[in-house]
Amino acid sequence: MEQKELYRIEGMKCGGCSGTVQTALLQSDGVSEAEVSHEKGIAEVTHSLTDEEIAQIVEKAGYHVAGKGR
């Protein structure tokens, strides 16, 4: 079952950073939508994965999930 959740992402400094995270998420099975903002430090993700799997995707892209919500 898909869910839409907000994750706080640490380490993003520019549009390239948010693009890297967004691309990594969208290329992952189980993610249908991802909007990432380096200005707000968040990723809004529609997915059917666990929080741990989302964190692993973000960490492989070089960033860190600091938690959920705003």
C-alpha atoms as a PDB file:
ATOM      1  CA  MET A   1       0.000   0.000   0.000  1.00  0.00           C
ATOM      2  CA  GLU A   2       1.393   3.381  -0.979  1.00  0.00           C
ATOM      3  CA  GLN A   3       1.727   6.212   1.475  1.00  0.00           C
ATOM      4  CA  LYS A   4       2.765   9.840   1.119  1.00  0.00           C
ATOM      5  CA  GLU A   5       5.285  10.919   3.733  1.00  0.00           C
ATOM      6  CA  LEU A   6       7.594  13.812   4.455  1.00  0.00           C
ATOM      7  CA  TYR A   7      11.249  13.172   5.344  1.00  0.00           C
ATOM      8  CA  ARG A   8      13.789  15.673   6.650  1.00  0.00           C
ATOM      9  CA  ILE A   9      17.014  15.371   4.647  1.00  0.00           C
ATOM     10  CA  GLU A  10      20.365  16.682   5.916  1.00  0.00           C
ATOM     11  CA  GLY A  11      23.281  17.749   3.759  1.00  0.00           C
ATOM     12  CA  MET A  12      21.534  19.255   0.734  1.00  0.00           C
ATOM     13  CA  LYS A  13      23.029  22.651  -0.160  1.00  0.00           C
ATOM     14  CA  CYS A  14      21.819  23.365  -3.725  1.00  0.00           C
ATOM     15  CA  GLY A  15      19.459  22.388  -6.501  1.00  0.00           C
ATOM     16  CA  GLY A  16      21.926  19.766  -7.669  1.00  0.00           C
ATOM     17  CA  CYS A  17      21.749  18.106  -4.258  1.00  0.00           C
ATOM     18  CA  SER A  18      17.961  17.952  -4.243  1.00  0.00           C
ATOM     19  CA  GLY A  19      18.040  16.703  -7.843  1.00  0.00           C
ATOM     20  CA  THR A  20      20.387  13.891  -6.866  1.00  0.00           C
ATOM     21  CA  VAL A  21      18.109  12.781  -4.027  1.00  0.00           C
ATOM     22  CA  GLN A  22      14.975  13.081  -6.164  1.00  0.00           C
ATOM     23  CA  THR A  23      16.504  11.049  -9.003  1.00  0.00           C
ATOM     24  CA  ALA A  24      17.685   8.328  -6.611  1.00  0.00           C
ATOM     25  CA  LEU A  25      14.214   8.064  -5.097  1.00  0.00           C
ATOM     26  CA  LEU A  26      12.368   8.043  -8.437  1.00  0.00           C
ATOM     27  CA  GLN A  27      14.665   5.347  -9.841  1.00  0.00           C
ATOM     28  CA  SER A  28      13.861   3.045  -6.924  1.00  0.00           C
ATOM     29  CA  ASP A  29      11.203   0.348  -7.138  1.00  0.00           C
ATOM     30  CA  GLY A  30       8.434   1.186  -4.700  1.00  0.00           C
ATOM     31  CA  VAL A  31       8.639   4.973  -5.160  1.00  0.00           C
ATOM     32  CA  SER A  32       5.984   6.487  -7.425  1.00  0.00           C
ATOM     33  CA  GLU A  33       6.478  10.203  -6.672  1.00  0.00           C
ATOM     34  CA  ALA A  34       9.175  12.339  -5.047  1.00  0.00           C
ATOM     35  CA  GLU A  35       9.453  16.100  -4.612  1.00  0.00           C
ATOM     36  CA  VAL A  36      12.672  17.248  -2.950  1.00  0.00           C
ATOM     37  CA  SER A  37      13.551  20.771  -1.745  1.00  0.00           C
ATOM     38  CA  HIS A  38      17.044  21.709  -0.596  1.00  0.00           C
ATOM     39  CA  GLU A  39      15.693  25.079   0.638  1.00  0.00           C
ATOM     40  CA  LYS A  40      13.295  23.363   3.047  1.00  0.00           C
ATOM     41  CA  GLY A  41      15.488  20.303   3.606  1.00  0.00           C
ATOM     42  CA  ILE A  42      12.626  17.930   2.878  1.00  0.00           C
ATOM     43  CA  ALA A  43      11.551  15.155   0.550  1.00  0.00           C
ATOM     44  CA  GLU A  44       7.863  14.424   0.039  1.00  0.00           C
ATOM     45  CA  VAL A  45       7.695  10.824  -1.140  1.00  0.00           C
ATOM     46  CA  THR A  46       4.829   8.589  -2.241  1.00  0.00           C
ATOM     47  CA  HIS A  47       6.009   5.024  -1.773  1.00  0.00           C
ATOM     48  CA  SER A  48       5.342   1.481  -0.634  1.00  0.00           C
ATOM     49  CA  LEU A  49       8.692   1.009   1.151  1.00  0.00           C
ATOM     50  CA  THR A  50       9.754   1.028   4.783  1.00  0.00           C
ATOM     51  CA  ASP A  51      11.331   4.097   6.361  1.00  0.00           C
ATOM     52  CA  GLU A  52      14.593   2.167   6.547  1.00  0.00           C
ATOM     53  CA  GLU A  53      14.517   1.491   2.800  1.00  0.00           C
ATOM     54  CA  ILE A  54      13.895   5.188   2.080  1.00  0.00           C
ATOM     55  CA  ALA A  55      16.815   6.088   4.373  1.00  0.00           C
ATOM     56  CA  GLN A  56      19.086   3.622   2.551  1.00  0.00           C
ATOM     57  CA  ILE A  57      18.222   5.157  -0.835  1.00  0.00           C
ATOM     58  CA  VAL A  58      18.951   8.667   0.452  1.00  0.00           C
ATOM     59  CA  GLU A  59      22.204   7.574   2.116  1.00  0.00           C
ATOM     60  CA  LYS A  60      23.413   5.846  -1.071  1.00  0.00           C
ATOM     61  CA  ALA A  61      22.862   9.214  -2.789  1.00  0.00           C
ATOM     62  CA  GLY A  62      25.166  10.816  -0.189  1.00  0.00           C
ATOM     63  CA  TYR A  63      22.681  12.415   2.213  1.00  0.00           C
ATOM     64  CA  HIS A  64      21.003  11.590   5.518  1.00  0.00           C
ATOM     65  CA  VAL A  65      17.379  11.213   6.614  1.00  0.00           C
ATOM     66  CA  ALA A  66      17.099  13.150   9.875  1.00  0.00           C
ATOM     67  CA  GLY A  67      13.515  12.092  10.590  1.00  0.00           C
ATOM     68  CA  LYS A  68       9.954  12.355   9.399  1.00  0.00           C
ATOM     69  CA  GLY A  69       7.620  15.336   9.291  1.00  0.00           C
ATOM     70  CA  ARG A  70       8.369  19.031   9.136  1.00  0.00           C
END
